[in-house]
Protein backbone atom coordinates (compact mmCIF):
# COMPACT_ATOMS: atom_id res chain seq x y z
CA MET A 1 114.11 134.51 98.65
CA THR A 2 115.71 133.37 95.43
CA LEU A 3 119.28 132.19 95.75
CA THR A 4 121.97 133.11 93.24
CA LEU A 5 123.82 130.28 91.50
CA LYS A 6 126.77 130.75 93.86
CA GLN A 7 124.46 130.58 96.88
CA GLN A 8 122.74 127.47 95.51
CA ARG A 9 126.15 125.85 95.01
CA THR A 10 127.27 126.78 98.54
CA LYS A 11 124.07 125.38 100.05
CA LEU A 12 124.42 122.17 98.02
CA ASP A 13 128.07 121.86 99.09
CA ILE A 14 127.02 122.03 102.75
CA ILE A 15 124.31 119.40 102.16
CA LYS A 16 126.77 117.12 100.35
CA THR A 17 129.30 117.55 103.16
CA MET A 18 126.72 116.44 105.72
CA ASN A 19 125.65 113.53 103.50
CA SER A 20 129.28 112.43 103.22
CA MET A 21 129.78 112.67 106.98
CA LEU A 22 126.66 110.57 107.61
CA LYS A 23 128.27 107.68 105.73
CA THR A 24 130.65 107.17 108.66
CA THR A 25 129.42 109.19 111.63
CA PRO A 26 126.18 109.02 113.66
CA PHE A 27 124.10 112.20 113.40
CA ASP A 28 124.25 112.93 117.14
CA GLN A 29 128.07 113.05 116.96
CA ILE A 30 128.14 115.60 114.14
CA THR A 31 128.41 119.20 115.30
CA ILE A 32 127.89 122.38 113.35
CA ASN A 33 131.54 123.22 114.02
CA VAL A 34 132.67 119.98 112.34
CA ILE A 35 130.30 120.57 109.40
CA CYS A 36 131.76 124.05 108.93
CA GLN A 37 135.33 122.74 109.08
CA LYS A 38 134.67 119.96 106.55
CA ALA A 39 132.73 122.28 104.21
CA PHE A 40 135.39 125.03 104.56
CA ILE A 41 132.81 127.61 105.59
CA HIS A 42 132.32 130.03 108.47
CA HIS A 43 129.52 129.52 111.02
CA SER A 44 127.71 132.58 109.67
CA THR A 45 127.61 130.94 106.22
CA PHE A 46 126.06 127.82 107.72
CA TYR A 47 123.37 129.85 109.50
CA ARG A 48 122.63 131.84 106.35
CA TYR A 49 121.25 128.64 104.81
CA PHE A 50 120.18 126.46 107.76
CA ALA A 51 118.60 127.11 111.16
CA ASP A 52 120.39 124.14 112.74
CA LYS A 53 121.74 120.69 111.89
CA TYR A 54 118.18 119.27 111.87
CA ASP A 55 117.28 121.74 109.15
CA LEU A 56 120.38 120.59 107.25
CA LEU A 57 119.25 116.97 107.73
CA GLY A 58 116.07 117.86 105.83
CA GLY A 59 118.28 119.04 102.97
CA VAL A 60 120.17 115.74 103.03
CA LEU A 61 116.89 113.79 102.90
CA THR A 62 115.74 115.91 99.97
CA LEU A 63 119.04 115.24 98.17
CA ILE A 64 118.80 111.50 98.81
CA CYS A 65 115.17 111.39 97.61
CA ALA A 66 115.77 113.52 94.49
CA PRO A 67 115.88 110.50 92.11
CA ILE A 68 112.30 109.47 92.99
CA ARG A 69 110.59 111.87 90.60
CA GLU A 70 112.96 111.09 87.72
CA LYS A 71 112.45 107.35 88.17
CA LEU A 72 108.65 107.76 88.37
CA THR A 73 108.79 109.67 85.09
CA LYS A 74 110.65 106.71 83.57
CA GLY A 75 107.93 104.32 84.78
CA ILE A 76 110.03 102.60 87.46
CA SER A 77 107.92 101.42 90.41
CA LEU A 78 107.99 103.47 93.58
CA MET A 79 108.91 100.43 95.69
CA THR A 80 111.85 99.63 93.39
CA THR A 81 112.96 103.25 93.58
CA ILE A 82 112.64 103.42 97.38
CA THR A 83 114.50 100.10 97.68
CA HIS A 84 117.33 101.47 95.54
CA ILE A 85 117.50 104.71 97.54
CA VAL A 86 117.52 102.92 100.90
CA THR A 87 120.12 100.34 99.91
CA SER A 88 122.32 102.97 98.22
CA ASN A 89 122.18 105.18 101.31
CA GLN A 90 122.03 102.50 104.00
CA ALA A 91 124.85 103.95 106.10
CA GLN A 92 123.33 107.43 106.05
CA PHE A 93 119.88 106.20 107.10
CA ARG A 94 121.33 104.18 109.95
CA ASN A 95 123.52 107.07 111.12
CA MET A 96 120.62 109.53 110.86
CA THR A 97 118.52 107.49 113.26
CA ARG A 98 120.96 105.79 115.64
CA LYS A 99 120.80 107.50 119.03
CA ASN A 100 119.11 110.51 117.43
CA LYS A 101 117.30 112.13 120.33
CA ARG A 102 115.03 114.06 118.00
CA ALA A 103 114.01 111.35 115.55
CA ALA A 104 112.30 113.74 113.15
CA ILE A 105 113.75 111.94 110.16
CA TYR A 106 110.65 109.82 109.54
CA PRO A 107 108.04 112.60 109.51
CA ASP A 108 110.41 114.70 107.39
CA LEU A 109 110.96 111.81 104.98
CA THR A 110 107.20 111.23 104.78
CA GLN A 111 106.68 114.91 103.91
CA ILE A 112 109.40 114.82 101.25
CA ILE A 113 108.05 111.68 99.53
CA ALA A 114 104.44 112.94 99.73
CA SER A 115 105.56 116.25 98.23
CA ILE A 116 107.30 114.44 95.36
CA LEU A 117 104.16 112.39 94.68
CA LYS A 118 101.95 115.50 94.78
CA LYS A 119 104.26 117.34 92.38
CA ALA A 120 104.13 114.34 90.06
CA LEU A 121 100.32 114.55 90.20
CA LEU A 122 100.39 118.25 89.29
CA ASN A 123 102.83 117.67 86.44
CA THR A 124 100.79 114.74 85.12
CA VAL A 125 103.69 112.31 85.29
CA ARG A 126 102.71 109.11 83.46
CA HIS A 127 103.13 106.31 85.98
CA PRO A 128 100.65 103.67 87.20
CA LEU A 129 100.83 104.89 90.82
CA ILE A 130 100.36 108.53 89.84
CA ASP A 131 97.47 107.57 87.54
CA ARG A 132 95.78 105.72 90.42
CA LEU A 133 96.38 108.56 92.86
CA SER A 134 94.87 111.08 90.44
CA GLN A 135 91.70 108.95 90.23
CA THR A 136 91.10 108.91 93.99
CA SER A 137 88.69 111.30 95.71
CA GLU A 138 91.54 112.75 97.83
CA PRO A 139 94.82 112.56 95.84
CA ASP A 140 96.80 114.68 98.34
CA LEU A 141 95.72 112.54 101.28
CA MET A 142 96.43 109.32 99.40
CA ALA A 143 99.89 110.59 98.38
CA PHE A 144 100.61 111.19 102.06
CA ALA A 145 99.24 107.72 102.94
CA TYR A 146 101.51 106.03 100.38
CA ALA A 147 104.49 108.05 101.57
CA GLY A 148 103.76 107.09 105.18
CA MET A 149 103.53 103.43 104.25
CA PHE A 150 106.90 103.47 102.49
CA VAL A 151 108.54 105.40 105.32
CA GLY A 152 107.10 102.90 107.80
CA ILE A 153 108.80 100.12 105.84
CA ILE A 154 112.09 102.05 105.88
CA GLN A 155 111.76 102.68 109.62
CA LYS A 156 111.08 99.02 110.42
CA TRP A 157 113.96 97.86 108.22
CA ASN A 158 116.33 100.45 109.61
CA GLU A 159 115.60 100.04 113.31
CA THR A 160 114.94 96.32 113.68
CA PRO A 161 117.79 93.84 113.29
CA GLY A 162 116.65 90.69 111.54
CA THR A 163 114.08 92.46 109.36
CA PRO A 164 114.19 90.95 105.85
CA ARG A 165 116.54 92.79 103.50
CA VAL A 166 114.75 95.54 101.63
CA GLY A 167 115.44 93.90 98.26
CA ALA A 168 113.93 90.58 99.36
CA PHE A 169 110.95 92.35 100.89
CA SER A 170 110.27 94.48 97.81
CA ALA A 171 110.09 91.39 95.59
CA ASN A 172 106.88 90.33 97.37
CA PHE A 173 105.62 93.80 98.23
CA LYS A 174 103.10 94.27 95.42
CA ALA A 175 101.44 90.88 95.93
CA ASP A 176 101.33 91.38 99.71
CA LEU A 177 99.89 94.88 99.35
CA LEU A 178 97.19 93.69 96.94
CA ALA A 179 96.25 90.87 99.32
CA LEU A 180 95.99 93.31 102.22
CA SER A 181 94.02 95.92 100.27
CA SER A 182 91.42 93.33 99.29
CA THR A 183 90.49 93.07 102.99
CA LEU A 184 89.57 96.77 103.28
């Protein structure tokens, strides 16, 4: 179903409302009623676009990850981009996962990043990572593997106090990854 411009704007407004709420409130404390109040919409409007708040969370993740493709097109490394996204949205990531009884954020995030990488492959984006992925025997599988690796880093950083700051970690990431891959 294709959405009209007004419907697209309404859906985006709901996503932005949830994103804004996640800056200060843990996901498990956010109700659909509160989302509707803050977005100035009726419950039926919410359910027209989303099955539940977990479905909406997928929209928030997609919004947060939107800059990845643009930055890949500009030749910025994926690790630098992910680092920027995580540090810029630190409060949201922490509130998405804290006490979340259905911690589907990580598989969803893996799917979103893998999808972005696969779309970049199809659109022949010029970037060293995309070039390497396109040369593998299974580009789709490798895109998913890279996405899973990055999401694993985000998960470890987000859930474990004392984990090195993402910026400090990303500075050594490429060298560490090359050293590890030479053992395969």
